[in-house]
Amino acid sequence: MCCQLFDVIGPTAAGHDDAVTIEVTWWVGGVDIGEVGPTLSDAFDAGDLLQCVATPHDGEEAGDSVPSLEALVANTLPGMPDVVIQPALPMTADPLDCSLTGPAADLMKPFPREMLYDTHADPHEIRNLAASPDATHQAALKRLRAALDTWQTATNDRGHIPEPAEVVAPFTKEMHDWFGTPAWVKE
């Protein structure tokens, strides 16, 4: 666990020219555990509430301590996509089918027409919010649509106009010849 310091240092008291240092102390479950420094070792468990407290010092006096928000230690295992092998109890000569489920499987599907992600809450862009009924999401989608329309007009982008089938066909064939065509593609 690491405690990042942002704008903790203010002006020193009048007449104090000493450099300001920051002391970081760690609290687990509301108790000072006596560990000092910007990084906490492994002195915590799943379910613990962690907090760091930063206190500035100018060499003579300590300033006001600034506590962080509390962080709950979840200690969840890293996620893995579900991989399903069928049949579950294969015989020697049975062909095996291996397939993905969950977010990894979703990446193999055609992209939806619009995608909107909260990259702070969902940095891996798993949950598409474009169809969310939340007013904040819909306002962001409306704003981004307008920005795209403005950009397409300003740059004379013609990407929204479909190419004739006879123009696209040679490229589709070339991609199929190189990579094959996924089962979900509709001709």
C-alpha atoms as a PDB file:
ATOM      1  CA  MET A   1       0.000   0.000   0.000  1.00  0.00           C
ATOM      2  CA  CYS A   2       1.389   3.413  -0.901  1.00  0.00           C
ATOM      3  CA  CYS A   3       0.354   6.852   0.377  1.00  0.00           C
ATOM      4  CA  GLN A   4       0.595   9.499  -2.353  1.00  0.00           C
ATOM      5  CA  LEU A   5       0.900  13.097  -1.198  1.00  0.00           C
ATOM      6  CA  PHE A   6      -0.820  15.881  -3.143  1.00  0.00           C
ATOM      7  CA  ASP A   7      -0.616  19.523  -2.091  1.00  0.00           C
ATOM      8  CA  VAL A   8       0.053  18.713   1.561  1.00  0.00           C
ATOM      9  CA  ILE A   9       2.876  21.221   1.927  1.00  0.00           C
ATOM     10  CA  GLY A  10       1.827  24.791   2.621  1.00  0.00           C
ATOM     11  CA  PRO A  11       3.934  27.841   3.516  1.00  0.00           C
ATOM     12  CA  THR A  12       6.137  27.504   6.570  1.00  0.00           C
ATOM     13  CA  ALA A  13       5.601  29.694   9.604  1.00  0.00           C
ATOM     14  CA  ALA A  14       7.092  33.178   9.532  1.00  0.00           C
ATOM     15  CA  GLY A  15      10.820  33.172  10.233  1.00  0.00           C
ATOM     16  CA  HIS A  16      11.262  29.474   9.461  1.00  0.00           C
ATOM     17  CA  ASP A  17      13.508  28.842   6.468  1.00  0.00           C
ATOM     18  CA  ASP A  18      13.911  25.116   7.039  1.00  0.00           C
ATOM     19  CA  ALA A  19      12.883  22.620   4.392  1.00  0.00           C
ATOM     20  CA  VAL A  20       9.524  21.004   4.949  1.00  0.00           C
ATOM     21  CA  THR A  21       9.487  17.242   5.367  1.00  0.00           C
ATOM     22  CA  ILE A  22       6.472  14.989   5.544  1.00  0.00           C
ATOM     23  CA  GLU A  23       6.024  12.195   8.046  1.00  0.00           C
ATOM     24  CA  VAL A  24       3.512   9.544   7.012  1.00  0.00           C
ATOM     25  CA  THR A  25       2.030   7.312   9.691  1.00  0.00           C
ATOM     26  CA  TRP A  26      -0.243   4.342   9.058  1.00  0.00           C
ATOM     27  CA  TRP A  27      -3.491   3.454  10.774  1.00  0.00           C
ATOM     28  CA  VAL A  28      -5.243   0.077  10.532  1.00  0.00           C
ATOM     29  CA  GLY A  29      -8.792  -0.168  11.856  1.00  0.00           C
ATOM     30  CA  GLY A  30      -8.485   3.286  13.464  1.00  0.00           C
ATOM     31  CA  VAL A  31      -5.290   2.367  15.371  1.00  0.00           C
ATOM     32  CA  ASP A  32      -1.838   3.862  14.732  1.00  0.00           C
ATOM     33  CA  ILE A  33       0.302   0.755  14.062  1.00  0.00           C
ATOM     34  CA  GLY A  34       3.588   2.607  14.505  1.00  0.00           C
ATOM     35  CA  GLU A  35       4.732   2.172  10.901  1.00  0.00           C
ATOM     36  CA  VAL A  36       6.200   5.340   9.376  1.00  0.00           C
ATOM     37  CA  GLY A  37       6.920   6.033   5.706  1.00  0.00           C
ATOM     38  CA  PRO A  38       5.070   6.443   2.413  1.00  0.00           C
ATOM     39  CA  THR A  39       4.736   2.674   1.885  1.00  0.00           C
ATOM     40  CA  LEU A  40       2.980   0.240   4.191  1.00  0.00           C
ATOM     41  CA  SER A  41       4.435  -3.245   4.426  1.00  0.00           C
ATOM     42  CA  ASP A  42       2.160  -6.241   4.724  1.00  0.00           C
ATOM     43  CA  ALA A  43       0.772  -5.286   8.135  1.00  0.00           C
ATOM     44  CA  PHE A  44      -2.848  -5.648   7.041  1.00  0.00           C
ATOM     45  CA  ASP A  45      -5.418  -8.312   6.207  1.00  0.00           C
ATOM     46  CA  ALA A  46      -8.569  -8.637   4.130  1.00  0.00           C
ATOM     47  CA  GLY A  47     -11.340  -6.539   5.626  1.00  0.00           C
ATOM     48  CA  ASP A  48      -9.000  -4.024   7.309  1.00  0.00           C
ATOM     49  CA  LEU A  49      -9.618  -0.306   6.919  1.00  0.00           C
ATOM     50  CA  LEU A  50      -6.326   1.451   6.073  1.00  0.00           C
ATOM     51  CA  GLN A  51      -5.533   5.121   6.378  1.00  0.00           C
ATOM     52  CA  CYS A  52      -2.347   7.158   6.105  1.00  0.00           C
ATOM     53  CA  VAL A  53      -1.848  10.432   7.955  1.00  0.00           C
ATOM     54  CA  ALA A  54       0.632  12.992   6.587  1.00  0.00           C
ATOM     55  CA  THR A  55       2.155  15.552   8.967  1.00  0.00           C
ATOM     56  CA  PRO A  56       4.421  18.334   7.663  1.00  0.00           C
ATOM     57  CA  HIS A  57       7.481  19.386   9.695  1.00  0.00           C
ATOM     58  CA  ASP A  58       9.607  22.481   9.078  1.00  0.00           C
ATOM     59  CA  GLY A  59      12.439  21.498  11.407  1.00  0.00           C
ATOM     60  CA  GLU A  60      11.016  23.235  14.462  1.00  0.00           C
ATOM     61  CA  GLU A  61       7.271  22.682  14.416  1.00  0.00           C
ATOM     62  CA  ALA A  62       4.818  20.132  13.132  1.00  0.00           C
ATOM     63  CA  GLY A  63       1.982  21.362  10.963  1.00  0.00           C
ATOM     64  CA  ASP A  64      -1.579  20.109  10.898  1.00  0.00           C
ATOM     65  CA  SER A  65      -1.897  16.406  10.132  1.00  0.00           C
ATOM     66  CA  VAL A  66      -3.888  15.499   7.030  1.00  0.00           C
ATOM     67  CA  PRO A  67      -5.581  12.073   7.012  1.00  0.00           C
ATOM     68  CA  SER A  68      -6.375  10.210   3.812  1.00  0.00           C
ATOM     69  CA  LEU A  69      -9.716   8.621   3.122  1.00  0.00           C
ATOM     70  CA  GLU A  70      -9.980   5.088   4.489  1.00  0.00           C
ATOM     71  CA  ALA A  71      -9.361   2.212   2.077  1.00  0.00           C
ATOM     72  CA  LEU A  72     -10.963  -1.183   2.607  1.00  0.00           C
ATOM     73  CA  VAL A  73      -8.653  -4.117   1.837  1.00  0.00           C
ATOM     74  CA  ALA A  74     -10.633  -6.497  -0.352  1.00  0.00           C
ATOM     75  CA  ASN A  75      -7.848  -9.017  -1.052  1.00  0.00           C
ATOM     76  CA  THR A  76      -9.718 -10.456  -3.962  1.00  0.00           C
ATOM     77  CA  LEU A  77      -7.942 -12.715  -6.386  1.00  0.00           C
ATOM     78  CA  PRO A  78      -7.108 -11.287  -9.805  1.00  0.00           C
ATOM     79  CA  GLY A  79      -9.885 -11.984 -12.277  1.00  0.00           C
ATOM     80  CA  MET A  80      -9.543 -14.538 -15.027  1.00  0.00           C
ATOM     81  CA  PRO A  81     -12.009 -15.168 -17.791  1.00  0.00           C
ATOM     82  CA  ASP A  82     -13.931 -18.368 -17.456  1.00  0.00           C
ATOM     83  CA  VAL A  83     -12.707 -21.006 -19.852  1.00  0.00           C
ATOM     84  CA  VAL A  84     -15.100 -23.838 -20.569  1.00  0.00           C
ATOM     85  CA  ILE A  85     -13.940 -27.129 -22.076  1.00  0.00           C
ATOM     86  CA  GLN A  86     -16.615 -29.385 -23.537  1.00  0.00           C
ATOM     87  CA  PRO A  87     -17.319 -32.190 -23.103  1.00  0.00           C
ATOM     88  CA  ALA A  88     -16.593 -32.016 -19.392  1.00  0.00           C
ATOM     89  CA  LEU A  89     -15.697 -35.732 -19.256  1.00  0.00           C
ATOM     90  CA  PRO A  90     -14.142 -36.440 -22.659  1.00  0.00           C
ATOM     91  CA  MET A  91     -13.264 -39.850 -24.000  1.00  0.00           C
ATOM     92  CA  THR A  92      -9.955 -40.428 -25.792  1.00  0.00           C
ATOM     93  CA  ALA A  93     -11.291 -39.817 -29.299  1.00  0.00           C
ATOM     94  CA  ASP A  94     -13.686 -36.943 -28.414  1.00  0.00           C
ATOM     95  CA  PRO A  95     -12.986 -33.578 -30.007  1.00  0.00           C
ATOM     96  CA  LEU A  96     -12.656 -30.856 -27.382  1.00  0.00           C
ATOM     97  CA  ASP A  97     -14.234 -27.427 -27.619  1.00  0.00           C
ATOM     98  CA  CYS A  98     -12.678 -24.627 -25.585  1.00  0.00           C
ATOM     99  CA  SER A  99     -14.630 -21.384 -25.221  1.00  0.00           C
ATOM    100  CA  LEU A 100     -14.444 -18.172 -23.212  1.00  0.00           C
ATOM    101  CA  THR A 101     -17.190 -16.632 -21.106  1.00  0.00           C
ATOM    102  CA  GLY A 102     -17.489 -13.289 -19.348  1.00  0.00           C
ATOM    103  CA  PRO A 103     -15.700 -10.079 -20.403  1.00  0.00           C
ATOM    104  CA  ALA A 104     -13.110 -11.959 -22.490  1.00  0.00           C
ATOM    105  CA  ALA A 105     -15.896 -13.531 -24.557  1.00  0.00           C
ATOM    106  CA  ASP A 106     -17.534 -10.110 -24.950  1.00  0.00           C
ATOM    107  CA  LEU A 107     -14.350  -8.819 -26.596  1.00  0.00           C
ATOM    108  CA  MET A 108     -14.759 -11.443 -29.314  1.00  0.00           C
ATOM    109  CA  LYS A 109     -18.217 -10.151 -30.255  1.00  0.00           C
ATOM    110  CA  PRO A 110     -18.805  -7.371 -32.784  1.00  0.00           C
ATOM    111  CA  PHE A 111     -18.470  -3.946 -31.184  1.00  0.00           C
ATOM    112  CA  PRO A 112     -21.707  -2.120 -30.455  1.00  0.00           C
ATOM    113  CA  ARG A 113     -22.443   1.020 -32.455  1.00  0.00           C
ATOM    114  CA  GLU A 114     -21.637   3.215 -29.448  1.00  0.00           C
ATOM    115  CA  MET A 115     -19.425   2.640 -26.434  1.00  0.00           C
ATOM    116  CA  LEU A 116     -19.075   4.762 -23.304  1.00  0.00           C
ATOM    117  CA  TYR A 117     -16.851   3.829 -20.365  1.00  0.00           C
ATOM    118  CA  ASP A 118     -16.052   5.380 -16.999  1.00  0.00           C
ATOM    119  CA  THR A 119     -12.293   4.859 -17.205  1.00  0.00           C
ATOM    120  CA  HIS A 120     -11.786   5.856 -13.562  1.00  0.00           C
ATOM    121  CA  ALA A 121     -14.211   3.297 -12.138  1.00  0.00           C
ATOM    122  CA  ASP A 122     -13.702   0.783 -14.972  1.00  0.00           C
ATOM    123  CA  PRO A 123     -10.134   1.222 -16.314  1.00  0.00           C
ATOM    124  CA  HIS A 124     -10.307  -2.006 -18.326  1.00  0.00           C
ATOM    125  CA  GLU A 125     -13.443  -0.807 -20.131  1.00  0.00           C
ATOM    126  CA  ILE A 126     -15.531  -3.868 -19.301  1.00  0.00           C
ATOM    127  CA  ARG A 127     -18.920  -2.231 -18.635  1.00  0.00           C
ATOM    128  CA  ASN A 128     -20.332  -0.312 -21.609  1.00  0.00           C
ATOM    129  CA  LEU A 129     -22.469   2.551 -20.255  1.00  0.00           C
ATOM    130  CA  ALA A 130     -23.905   3.706 -23.601  1.00  0.00           C
ATOM    131  CA  ALA A 131     -27.282   2.090 -22.879  1.00  0.00           C
ATOM    132  CA  SER A 132     -27.281   3.076 -19.193  1.00  0.00           C
ATOM    133  CA  PRO A 133     -30.415   4.957 -18.077  1.00  0.00           C
ATOM    134  CA  ASP A 134     -28.279   7.076 -15.705  1.00  0.00           C
ATOM    135  CA  ALA A 135     -28.734  10.771 -16.584  1.00  0.00           C
ATOM    136  CA  THR A 136     -25.004  11.482 -16.114  1.00  0.00           C
ATOM    137  CA  HIS A 137     -24.079   8.769 -18.599  1.00  0.00           C
ATOM    138  CA  GLN A 138     -26.669   9.942 -21.107  1.00  0.00           C
ATOM    139  CA  ALA A 139     -25.450  13.557 -20.804  1.00  0.00           C
ATOM    140  CA  ALA A 140     -21.853  12.450 -21.448  1.00  0.00           C
ATOM    141  CA  LEU A 141     -22.976  10.398 -24.445  1.00  0.00           C
ATOM    142  CA  LYS A 142     -24.922  13.363 -25.864  1.00  0.00           C
ATOM    143  CA  ARG A 143     -21.919  15.687 -25.374  1.00  0.00           C
ATOM    144  CA  LEU A 144     -19.535  13.207 -27.040  1.00  0.00           C
ATOM    145  CA  ARG A 145     -21.927  12.627 -29.967  1.00  0.00           C
ATOM    146  CA  ALA A 146     -22.039  16.385 -30.547  1.00  0.00           C
ATOM    147  CA  ALA A 147     -18.230  16.604 -30.400  1.00  0.00           C
ATOM    148  CA  LEU A 148     -17.924  13.782 -32.941  1.00  0.00           C
ATOM    149  CA  ASP A 149     -20.469  15.418 -35.260  1.00  0.00           C
ATOM    150  CA  THR A 150     -18.566  18.706 -35.024  1.00  0.00           C
ATOM    151  CA  TRP A 151     -15.242  16.987 -35.768  1.00  0.00           C
ATOM    152  CA  GLN A 152     -16.688  15.039 -38.725  1.00  0.00           C
ATOM    153  CA  THR A 153     -18.073  18.240 -40.208  1.00  0.00           C
ATOM    154  CA  ALA A 154     -14.898  20.261 -39.569  1.00  0.00           C
ATOM    155  CA  THR A 155     -12.637  17.614 -41.144  1.00  0.00           C
ATOM    156  CA  ASN A 156     -15.038  16.600 -43.928  1.00  0.00           C
ATOM    157  CA  ASP A 157     -14.883  13.041 -42.571  1.00  0.00           C
ATOM    158  CA  ARG A 158     -16.932  10.785 -44.810  1.00  0.00           C
ATOM    159  CA  GLY A 159     -16.615   7.658 -42.661  1.00  0.00           C
ATOM    160  CA  HIS A 160     -20.301   7.738 -41.811  1.00  0.00           C
ATOM    161  CA  ILE A 161     -21.192   7.147 -45.475  1.00  0.00           C
ATOM    162  CA  PRO A 162     -21.115   3.398 -46.230  1.00  0.00           C
ATOM    163  CA  GLU A 163     -18.880   2.269 -49.073  1.00  0.00           C
ATOM    164  CA  PRO A 164     -20.604   0.437 -51.956  1.00  0.00           C
ATOM    165  CA  ALA A 165     -20.496  -3.373 -51.564  1.00  0.00           C
ATOM    166  CA  GLU A 166     -18.356  -3.770 -54.704  1.00  0.00           C
ATOM    167  CA  VAL A 167     -15.666  -1.523 -53.155  1.00  0.00           C
ATOM    168  CA  VAL A 168     -15.651  -3.391 -49.830  1.00  0.00           C
ATOM    169  CA  ALA A 169     -15.812  -6.946 -51.254  1.00  0.00           C
ATOM    170  CA  PRO A 170     -12.114  -7.299 -52.239  1.00  0.00           C
ATOM    171  CA  PHE A 171     -10.988  -6.143 -48.784  1.00  0.00           C
ATOM    172  CA  THR A 172     -13.426  -8.496 -47.041  1.00  0.00           C
ATOM    173  CA  LYS A 173     -12.154 -11.401 -49.169  1.00  0.00           C
ATOM    174  CA  GLU A 174      -8.523 -10.536 -48.418  1.00  0.00           C
ATOM    175  CA  MET A 175      -9.197 -10.427 -44.651  1.00  0.00           C
ATOM    176  CA  HIS A 176     -11.062 -13.743 -44.874  1.00  0.00           C
ATOM    177  CA  ASP A 177      -8.190 -15.324 -46.822  1.00  0.00           C
ATOM    178  CA  TRP A 178      -5.649 -14.125 -44.269  1.00  0.00           C
ATOM    179  CA  PHE A 179      -7.498 -14.701 -41.002  1.00  0.00           C
ATOM    180  CA  GLY A 180     -10.665 -16.674 -41.693  1.00  0.00           C
ATOM    181  CA  THR A 181     -14.110 -15.364 -40.919  1.00  0.00           C
ATOM    182  CA  PRO A 182     -15.589 -15.577 -37.406  1.00  0.00           C
ATOM    183  CA  ALA A 183     -18.873 -17.477 -37.098  1.00  0.00           C
ATOM    184  CA  TRP A 184     -20.752 -14.299 -36.017  1.00  0.00           C
ATOM    185  CA  VAL A 185     -20.084 -12.445 -39.292  1.00  0.00           C
ATOM    186  CA  LYS A 186     -23.183 -11.985 -41.394  1.00  0.00           C
ATOM    187  CA  GLU A 187     -22.595 -11.886 -45.130  1.00  0.00           C
END
